[in-house]
Amino acid sequence: MAQDQTEDQLSAAKRKALYLLERMPRTEKQLRDKLAEPGTYDSETIDTVIAYVKSWHYLDDEKYARDYIEGRKAAKSLRALLYELRGKGIAESILDDCREAYQEEDATEAICRLIQKKGIDPKTADVKERAKLYRYLSGRGFSYEEIRKACAALEETD
């Protein structure tokens, strides 16, 4: 009877994991946390389910990180995105690979897009507007140097 109960629990855990992954992509840590909520599944069952969904490539932290950065790099700095991914449980080795893949040129492009979206011309902006723009962009995770570089590039193009 214990064997049947274990198989039923494993089957239910697999169904729940697939249901959760169908709704939205998740990292391994996020899926583990969801399956480990109080009153759900034991660690052995969770390990088996994680191995199962990985074997079918339904769970891939590297792909998750690449897609996450690709979808958000226009609005946030790489540094901010890597910080968010670290909080989602992505391994440092994967974050290092992402850091190498998305270099500084992406930051300048993203900052220029955000400046144009805000409708502020760095050439004609007064001190208050420029300070407001810098605060906005630094809140998005861009460094002062990246912002200064992008503003200089915009000033040169016009």
Protein backbone atom coordinates (compact mmCIF):
# COMPACT_ATOMS: atom_id res chain seq x y z
CA MET A 1 0.00 0.00 0.00
CA ALA A 2 2.88 2.37 0.74
CA GLN A 3 4.25 1.73 -2.76
CA ASP A 4 0.90 2.71 -4.34
CA GLN A 5 0.76 5.82 -2.20
CA THR A 6 4.31 6.80 -3.23
CA GLU A 7 3.53 6.26 -6.91
CA ASP A 8 0.33 8.30 -6.58
CA GLN A 9 2.22 11.08 -4.85
CA LEU A 10 4.94 11.05 -7.54
CA SER A 11 2.34 11.11 -10.29
CA ALA A 12 0.52 14.02 -8.63
CA ALA A 13 3.80 15.90 -8.17
CA LYS A 14 4.67 15.44 -11.87
CA ARG A 15 1.25 16.72 -12.90
CA LYS A 16 1.60 19.73 -10.64
CA ALA A 17 5.10 20.50 -11.95
CA LEU A 18 3.95 20.28 -15.55
CA TYR A 19 0.94 22.45 -14.75
CA LEU A 20 3.17 25.08 -13.13
CA LEU A 21 5.63 25.07 -16.04
CA GLU A 22 2.78 25.30 -18.54
CA ARG A 23 1.54 28.50 -16.89
CA MET A 24 4.91 30.27 -16.95
CA PRO A 25 8.59 29.48 -17.27
CA ARG A 26 10.33 28.91 -13.95
CA THR A 27 13.79 28.31 -12.63
CA GLU A 28 14.66 25.09 -10.84
CA LYS A 29 14.64 26.93 -7.51
CA GLN A 30 11.21 28.44 -8.16
CA LEU A 31 9.77 25.03 -9.07
CA ARG A 32 11.38 23.39 -6.04
CA ASP A 33 9.99 26.10 -3.76
CA LYS A 34 6.51 25.72 -5.22
CA LEU A 35 6.54 21.93 -4.86
CA ALA A 36 7.96 22.15 -1.34
CA GLU A 37 5.18 24.36 0.03
CA PRO A 38 3.94 23.08 3.39
CA GLY A 39 1.78 19.98 3.16
CA THR A 40 2.80 19.06 -0.38
CA TYR A 41 5.71 16.82 -1.38
CA ASP A 42 8.82 15.44 0.32
CA SER A 43 12.33 16.23 -0.91
CA GLU A 44 12.85 12.81 -2.51
CA THR A 45 9.70 13.21 -4.59
CA ILE A 46 10.71 16.74 -5.57
CA ASP A 47 14.17 15.56 -6.67
CA THR A 48 12.59 12.85 -8.82
CA VAL A 49 10.15 15.32 -10.38
CA ILE A 50 12.91 17.86 -11.10
CA ALA A 51 14.97 15.15 -12.81
CA TYR A 52 11.90 14.12 -14.82
CA VAL A 53 11.07 17.62 -16.12
CA LYS A 54 14.74 18.29 -16.86
CA SER A 55 14.95 15.06 -18.88
CA TRP A 56 12.18 16.41 -21.13
CA HIS A 57 13.87 19.86 -21.28
CA TYR A 58 10.88 21.53 -19.65
CA LEU A 59 13.20 23.04 -17.06
CA ASP A 60 16.39 24.75 -18.22
CA ASP A 61 17.91 27.54 -16.12
CA GLU A 62 20.32 28.59 -18.89
CA LYS A 63 17.51 29.08 -21.39
CA TYR A 64 15.41 30.82 -18.74
CA ALA A 65 18.24 33.29 -18.03
CA ARG A 66 18.87 34.03 -21.72
CA ASP A 67 15.17 34.54 -22.43
CA TYR A 68 14.74 36.67 -19.30
CA ILE A 69 17.59 38.99 -20.30
CA GLU A 70 16.56 39.12 -23.95
CA GLY A 71 13.02 40.09 -23.07
CA ARG A 72 13.97 42.81 -20.57
CA LYS A 73 17.30 44.22 -21.73
CA ALA A 74 15.63 47.18 -23.43
CA ALA A 75 14.25 48.44 -20.12
CA LYS A 76 16.89 47.50 -17.52
CA SER A 77 20.63 47.22 -17.22
CA LEU A 78 22.39 43.89 -17.44
CA ARG A 79 23.54 44.38 -13.86
CA ALA A 80 19.93 44.76 -12.63
CA LEU A 81 18.78 41.74 -14.65
CA LEU A 82 21.59 39.56 -13.32
CA TYR A 83 20.68 40.62 -9.79
CA GLU A 84 17.06 39.61 -10.39
CA LEU A 85 18.13 36.26 -11.85
CA ARG A 86 20.38 35.64 -8.84
CA GLY A 87 17.30 36.10 -6.67
CA LYS A 88 15.47 33.53 -8.77
CA GLY A 89 18.13 30.96 -7.97
CA ILE A 90 20.17 30.99 -11.18
CA ALA A 91 23.70 29.62 -10.65
CA GLU A 92 26.67 32.00 -10.78
CA SER A 93 28.24 30.05 -13.66
CA ILE A 94 25.14 30.69 -15.78
CA LEU A 95 25.15 34.37 -14.77
CA ASP A 96 28.82 34.63 -15.81
CA ASP A 97 27.97 33.19 -19.23
CA CYS A 98 25.13 35.70 -19.59
CA ARG A 99 27.41 38.56 -18.56
CA GLU A 100 29.84 37.60 -21.31
CA ALA A 101 27.10 37.23 -23.92
CA TYR A 102 25.48 40.63 -23.27
CA GLN A 103 28.16 43.27 -23.10
CA GLU A 104 28.24 47.04 -22.73
CA GLU A 105 26.98 47.90 -26.23
CA ASP A 106 23.54 46.68 -25.18
CA ALA A 107 23.52 49.15 -22.27
CA THR A 108 24.12 52.17 -24.49
CA GLU A 109 21.36 51.11 -26.87
CA ALA A 110 18.92 50.49 -24.04
CA ILE A 111 19.69 53.84 -22.41
CA CYS A 112 19.27 55.70 -25.70
CA ARG A 113 15.89 54.02 -26.25
CA LEU A 114 14.75 54.93 -22.73
CA ILE A 115 15.88 58.55 -23.13
CA GLN A 116 14.01 58.85 -26.42
CA LYS A 117 10.95 57.22 -24.86
CA LYS A 118 11.04 59.81 -22.07
CA GLY A 119 11.14 62.55 -24.72
CA ILE A 120 14.08 64.34 -23.16
CA ASP A 121 16.80 65.78 -25.38
CA PRO A 122 20.10 65.65 -23.45
CA LYS A 123 21.40 68.65 -25.45
CA THR A 124 18.61 70.99 -24.43
CA ALA A 125 17.80 69.52 -21.01
CA ASP A 126 18.33 71.85 -18.09
CA VAL A 127 20.02 70.74 -14.87
CA LYS A 128 16.75 69.57 -13.24
CA GLU A 129 15.64 67.55 -16.28
CA ARG A 130 19.08 65.98 -16.62
CA ALA A 131 19.15 65.08 -12.90
CA LYS A 132 15.67 63.56 -13.19
CA LEU A 133 16.77 61.56 -16.23
CA TYR A 134 19.89 60.28 -14.43
CA ARG A 135 17.80 59.25 -11.40
CA TYR A 136 15.33 57.44 -13.65
CA LEU A 137 18.07 55.57 -15.52
CA SER A 138 20.06 54.74 -12.40
CA GLY A 139 16.85 53.34 -10.93
CA ARG A 140 16.80 50.99 -13.90
CA GLY A 141 20.23 49.73 -12.85
CA PHE A 142 22.48 51.69 -15.20
CA SER A 143 25.71 53.13 -13.86
CA TYR A 144 26.54 56.83 -14.02
CA GLU A 145 29.28 56.09 -16.56
CA GLU A 146 26.89 54.16 -18.85
CA ILE A 147 24.34 56.97 -18.68
CA ARG A 148 26.95 59.65 -19.36
CA LYS A 149 28.29 57.68 -22.33
CA ALA A 150 24.81 57.22 -23.83
CA CYS A 151 23.93 60.91 -23.37
CA ALA A 152 27.20 61.88 -25.08
CA ALA A 153 26.38 59.53 -27.96
CA LEU A 154 22.92 61.10 -28.35
CA GLU A 155 24.39 64.60 -28.27
CA GLU A 156 26.84 63.70 -31.03
CA THR A 157 24.24 62.15 -33.35
CA ASP A 158 22.04 65.23 -33.70
